[in-house]
C-alpha atoms as a PDB file:
ATOM      1  CA  MET A   1     -31.511   1.423 -54.627  1.00  0.00           C
ATOM      2  CA  MET A   2     -32.365  -0.853 -51.876  1.00  0.00           C
ATOM      3  CA  SER A   3     -29.800  -1.514 -49.110  1.00  0.00           C
ATOM      4  CA  LYS A   4     -28.728  -4.969 -48.408  1.00  0.00           C
ATOM      5  CA  GLU A   5     -30.131  -6.653 -45.481  1.00  0.00           C
ATOM      6  CA  LYS A   6     -28.022  -8.118 -42.778  1.00  0.00           C
ATOM      7  CA  VAL A   7     -27.944 -12.085 -42.722  1.00  0.00           C
ATOM      8  CA  CYS A   8     -29.538 -11.945 -39.219  1.00  0.00           C
ATOM      9  CA  ASP A   9     -32.474  -9.946 -40.342  1.00  0.00           C
ATOM     10  CA  LEU A  10     -32.946 -12.202 -43.315  1.00  0.00           C
ATOM     11  CA  LEU A  11     -32.713 -15.494 -41.158  1.00  0.00           C
ATOM     12  CA  ALA A  12     -35.071 -14.074 -38.654  1.00  0.00           C
ATOM     13  CA  LYS A  13     -37.782 -13.056 -41.242  1.00  0.00           C
ATOM     14  CA  THR A  14     -37.473 -16.378 -42.930  1.00  0.00           C
ATOM     15  CA  ASN A  15     -37.873 -18.116 -39.711  1.00  0.00           C
ATOM     16  CA  LEU A  16     -40.938 -16.197 -38.974  1.00  0.00           C
ATOM     17  CA  VAL A  17     -42.530 -16.778 -42.363  1.00  0.00           C
ATOM     18  CA  LEU A  18     -41.698 -20.627 -42.224  1.00  0.00           C
ATOM     19  CA  PHE A  19     -43.079 -20.765 -38.662  1.00  0.00           C
ATOM     20  CA  ARG A  20     -46.360 -19.171 -39.842  1.00  0.00           C
ATOM     21  CA  GLU A  21     -46.578 -21.388 -42.865  1.00  0.00           C
ATOM     22  CA  LEU A  22     -46.186 -24.435 -40.805  1.00  0.00           C
ATOM     23  CA  SER A  23     -48.694 -23.237 -38.312  1.00  0.00           C
ATOM     24  CA  ASN A  24     -51.268 -22.488 -40.897  1.00  0.00           C
ATOM     25  CA  ARG A  25     -50.581 -25.787 -42.634  1.00  0.00           C
ATOM     26  CA  TYR A  26     -50.875 -27.700 -39.464  1.00  0.00           C
ATOM     27  CA  ARG A  27     -54.170 -26.071 -38.592  1.00  0.00           C
ATOM     28  CA  GLY A  28     -55.492 -26.596 -42.007  1.00  0.00           C
ATOM     29  CA  LYS A  29     -54.871 -30.267 -41.688  1.00  0.00           C
ATOM     30  CA  ASP A  30     -56.152 -30.512 -38.097  1.00  0.00           C
ATOM     31  CA  ILE A  31     -52.806 -31.056 -36.609  1.00  0.00           C
ATOM     32  CA  ASN A  32     -53.199 -29.956 -33.092  1.00  0.00           C
ATOM     33  CA  VAL A  33     -49.529 -28.917 -32.361  1.00  0.00           C
ATOM     34  CA  THR A  34     -47.282 -25.832 -32.849  1.00  0.00           C
ATOM     35  CA  PRO A  35     -44.147 -26.196 -34.983  1.00  0.00           C
ATOM     36  CA  VAL A  36     -42.110 -26.067 -31.670  1.00  0.00           C
ATOM     37  CA  GLN A  37     -44.242 -28.846 -30.215  1.00  0.00           C
ATOM     38  CA  ALA A  38     -43.719 -30.800 -33.457  1.00  0.00           C
ATOM     39  CA  LYS A  39     -40.018 -30.582 -33.120  1.00  0.00           C
ATOM     40  CA  VAL A  40     -40.286 -31.768 -29.472  1.00  0.00           C
ATOM     41  CA  LEU A  41     -42.241 -34.700 -30.628  1.00  0.00           C
ATOM     42  CA  MET A  42     -39.773 -35.640 -33.271  1.00  0.00           C
ATOM     43  CA  THR A  43     -36.906 -35.212 -30.742  1.00  0.00           C
ATOM     44  CA  ILE A  44     -38.536 -37.570 -28.291  1.00  0.00           C
ATOM     45  CA  ARG A  45     -39.202 -40.052 -31.144  1.00  0.00           C
ATOM     46  CA  ASP A  46     -35.734 -39.995 -32.407  1.00  0.00           C
ATOM     47  CA  ASN A  47     -33.880 -40.190 -29.089  1.00  0.00           C
ATOM     48  CA  ASP A  48     -34.617 -43.307 -27.053  1.00  0.00           C
ATOM     49  CA  LYS A  49     -34.991 -42.704 -23.216  1.00  0.00           C
ATOM     50  CA  CYS A  50     -35.043 -38.892 -23.876  1.00  0.00           C
ATOM     51  CA  ASN A  51     -35.400 -36.580 -20.965  1.00  0.00           C
ATOM     52  CA  GLN A  52     -36.138 -32.751 -20.708  1.00  0.00           C
ATOM     53  CA  LYS A  53     -32.428 -31.866 -20.706  1.00  0.00           C
ATOM     54  CA  ASP A  54     -31.829 -33.897 -23.950  1.00  0.00           C
ATOM     55  CA  VAL A  55     -34.711 -31.980 -25.696  1.00  0.00           C
ATOM     56  CA  GLU A  56     -33.444 -28.675 -24.368  1.00  0.00           C
ATOM     57  CA  LYS A  57     -30.206 -29.278 -26.341  1.00  0.00           C
ATOM     58  CA  VAL A  58     -31.879 -30.277 -29.511  1.00  0.00           C
ATOM     59  CA  ILE A  59     -34.260 -27.481 -29.620  1.00  0.00           C
ATOM     60  CA  CYS A  60     -31.995 -24.837 -28.182  1.00  0.00           C
ATOM     61  CA  CYS A  61     -34.728 -23.802 -25.562  1.00  0.00           C
ATOM     62  CA  ASN A  62     -34.313 -22.850 -21.932  1.00  0.00           C
ATOM     63  CA  LYS A  63     -35.408 -25.084 -19.148  1.00  0.00           C
ATOM     64  CA  SER A  64     -38.379 -22.947 -17.959  1.00  0.00           C
ATOM     65  CA  THR A  65     -39.766 -22.428 -21.474  1.00  0.00           C
ATOM     66  CA  LEU A  66     -39.423 -26.177 -22.331  1.00  0.00           C
ATOM     67  CA  SER A  67     -41.125 -27.083 -19.057  1.00  0.00           C
ATOM     68  CA  SER A  68     -44.056 -24.908 -19.898  1.00  0.00           C
ATOM     69  CA  ILE A  69     -44.233 -26.530 -23.438  1.00  0.00           C
ATOM     70  CA  LEU A  70     -43.968 -30.017 -22.091  1.00  0.00           C
ATOM     71  CA  ASP A  71     -46.700 -29.250 -19.446  1.00  0.00           C
ATOM     72  CA  THR A  72     -49.056 -28.213 -22.198  1.00  0.00           C
ATOM     73  CA  MET A  73     -48.227 -31.365 -24.310  1.00  0.00           C
ATOM     74  CA  GLU A  74     -48.690 -33.476 -21.392  1.00  0.00           C
ATOM     75  CA  LYS A  75     -52.127 -31.874 -20.737  1.00  0.00           C
ATOM     76  CA  ASN A  76     -53.076 -32.456 -24.399  1.00  0.00           C
ATOM     77  CA  GLY A  77     -52.290 -36.071 -24.127  1.00  0.00           C
ATOM     78  CA  LEU A  78     -49.256 -35.892 -26.500  1.00  0.00           C
ATOM     79  CA  ILE A  79     -46.442 -37.071 -24.022  1.00  0.00           C
ATOM     80  CA  LYS A  80     -46.073 -38.829 -20.737  1.00  0.00           C
ATOM     81  CA  ARG A  81     -43.364 -38.189 -18.126  1.00  0.00           C
ATOM     82  CA  VAL A  82     -42.378 -41.468 -16.556  1.00  0.00           C
ATOM     83  CA  GLU A  83     -39.751 -42.289 -14.006  1.00  0.00           C
ATOM     84  CA  ASP A  84     -36.271 -43.326 -15.278  1.00  0.00           C
ATOM     85  CA  SER A  85     -35.655 -46.766 -13.740  1.00  0.00           C
ATOM     86  CA  ASN A  86     -31.840 -46.020 -13.532  1.00  0.00           C
ATOM     87  CA  ASP A  87     -32.338 -42.554 -11.856  1.00  0.00           C
ATOM     88  CA  TYR A  88     -35.469 -41.743  -9.901  1.00  0.00           C
ATOM     89  CA  ARG A  89     -34.738 -37.906 -10.047  1.00  0.00           C
ATOM     90  CA  LYS A  90     -35.158 -37.942 -13.888  1.00  0.00           C
ATOM     91  CA  LYS A  91     -38.209 -38.292 -15.947  1.00  0.00           C
ATOM     92  CA  ILE A  92     -38.177 -39.954 -19.395  1.00  0.00           C
ATOM     93  CA  LEU A  93     -40.419 -38.493 -21.961  1.00  0.00           C
ATOM     94  CA  GLN A  94     -42.659 -40.698 -24.010  1.00  0.00           C
ATOM     95  CA  LEU A  95     -44.984 -40.280 -26.850  1.00  0.00           C
ATOM     96  CA  THR A  96     -48.551 -41.258 -26.606  1.00  0.00           C
ATOM     97  CA  GLU A  97     -50.629 -42.831 -29.549  1.00  0.00           C
ATOM     98  CA  VAL A  98     -52.091 -39.391 -30.149  1.00  0.00           C
ATOM     99  CA  ALA A  99     -48.626 -37.929 -30.752  1.00  0.00           C
ATOM    100  CA  ILE A 100     -47.362 -40.828 -33.002  1.00  0.00           C
ATOM    101  CA  ASN A 101     -50.410 -40.245 -35.221  1.00  0.00           C
ATOM    102  CA  GLU A 102     -49.728 -36.574 -35.307  1.00  0.00           C
ATOM    103  CA  ILE A 103     -46.085 -37.070 -36.219  1.00  0.00           C
ATOM    104  CA  THR A 104     -47.077 -38.987 -39.396  1.00  0.00           C
ATOM    105  CA  CYS A 105     -49.178 -35.809 -40.575  1.00  0.00           C
ATOM    106  CA  ILE A 106     -46.409 -33.329 -39.406  1.00  0.00           C
ATOM    107  CA  GLU A 107     -43.789 -35.254 -41.422  1.00  0.00           C
ATOM    108  CA  LYS A 108     -45.991 -34.949 -44.531  1.00  0.00           C
ATOM    109  CA  GLU A 109     -46.279 -31.169 -44.132  1.00  0.00           C
ATOM    110  CA  LEU A 110     -42.573 -30.877 -43.490  1.00  0.00           C
ATOM    111  CA  ASP A 111     -41.822 -32.938 -46.545  1.00  0.00           C
ATOM    112  CA  TYR A 112     -44.002 -30.679 -48.603  1.00  0.00           C
ATOM    113  CA  LEU A 113     -42.194 -27.528 -47.391  1.00  0.00           C
ATOM    114  CA  GLU A 114     -38.846 -29.067 -47.876  1.00  0.00           C
ATOM    115  CA  LEU A 115     -39.786 -29.857 -51.525  1.00  0.00           C
ATOM    116  CA  GLN A 116     -40.822 -26.251 -51.844  1.00  0.00           C
ATOM    117  CA  MET A 117     -37.386 -25.044 -50.624  1.00  0.00           C
ATOM    118  CA  ARG A 118     -35.658 -27.448 -52.921  1.00  0.00           C
ATOM    119  CA  ASN A 119     -37.684 -26.049 -55.892  1.00  0.00           C
ATOM    120  CA  ILE A 120     -36.799 -22.525 -54.947  1.00  0.00           C
ATOM    121  CA  LEU A 121     -33.163 -23.205 -54.545  1.00  0.00           C
ATOM    122  CA  ARG A 122     -32.610 -25.901 -57.161  1.00  0.00           C
ATOM    123  CA  GLU A 123     -28.928 -26.600 -57.679  1.00  0.00           C
ATOM    124  CA  LYS A 124     -27.895 -24.280 -54.823  1.00  0.00           C
ATOM    125  CA  TYR A 125     -29.888 -26.199 -52.141  1.00  0.00           C
ATOM    126  CA  ASP A 126     -26.952 -28.243 -50.869  1.00  0.00           C
ATOM    127  CA  LEU A 127     -24.763 -25.168 -50.728  1.00  0.00           C
ATOM    128  CA  PHE A 128     -27.436 -23.231 -48.804  1.00  0.00           C
ATOM    129  CA  CYS A 129     -27.967 -25.980 -46.378  1.00  0.00           C
ATOM    130  CA  ASP A 130     -24.121 -26.165 -45.849  1.00  0.00           C
ATOM    131  CA  CYS A 131     -23.900 -22.409 -45.175  1.00  0.00           C
ATOM    132  CA  LEU A 132     -26.835 -22.533 -42.628  1.00  0.00           C
ATOM    133  CA  ASN A 133     -25.250 -25.466 -40.887  1.00  0.00           C
ATOM    134  CA  ARG A 134     -21.918 -23.646 -40.700  1.00  0.00           C
ATOM    135  CA  ILE A 135     -23.375 -20.575 -39.218  1.00  0.00           C
ATOM    136  CA  TYR A 136     -25.402 -22.639 -36.721  1.00  0.00           C
ATOM    137  CA  SER A 137     -22.291 -24.635 -35.652  1.00  0.00           C
ATOM    138  CA  ASP A 138     -20.012 -21.609 -35.371  1.00  0.00           C
ATOM    139  CA  LEU A 139     -22.528 -19.642 -33.305  1.00  0.00           C
ATOM    140  CA  LYS A 140     -23.442 -22.469 -31.010  1.00  0.00           C
ATOM    141  CA  GLU A 141     -19.717 -23.111 -30.416  1.00  0.00           C
ATOM    142  CA  GLU A 142     -19.164 -19.446 -29.760  1.00  0.00           C
ATOM    143  CA  ASN A 143     -21.933 -19.364 -27.146  1.00  0.00           C
ATOM    144  CA  LYS A 144     -20.548 -22.303 -25.164  1.00  0.00           C
END
């Protein structure tokens, strides 16, 4: 009889599989971003006058890691850093036309995977999402 896996292990394995699936789907559609970069792009799109600190909070990433990700994205022509007119020390992150085009393709791939998840989970989908949100919220609150 197989022993039950711990929730943390199941979440980690599932995250890894989803990350690989997204990476493969992006490559197959000539989307030139990683899943993490895709999340950064959508965060910038969804948050007006977004800066690096704002993105750090959303994607749960430390400053140095995100700085490296943003450097690569800027080098690849996906984002621009522009001075904040209200605070010269801050840089606002802006999407380029290339990024806007990539986001359209990214969203199609995310919608496809979301539909697959709904088909797998069927009537338990909402409960599953509620459980994941609760785990996330509780752990995030605990780590403040």
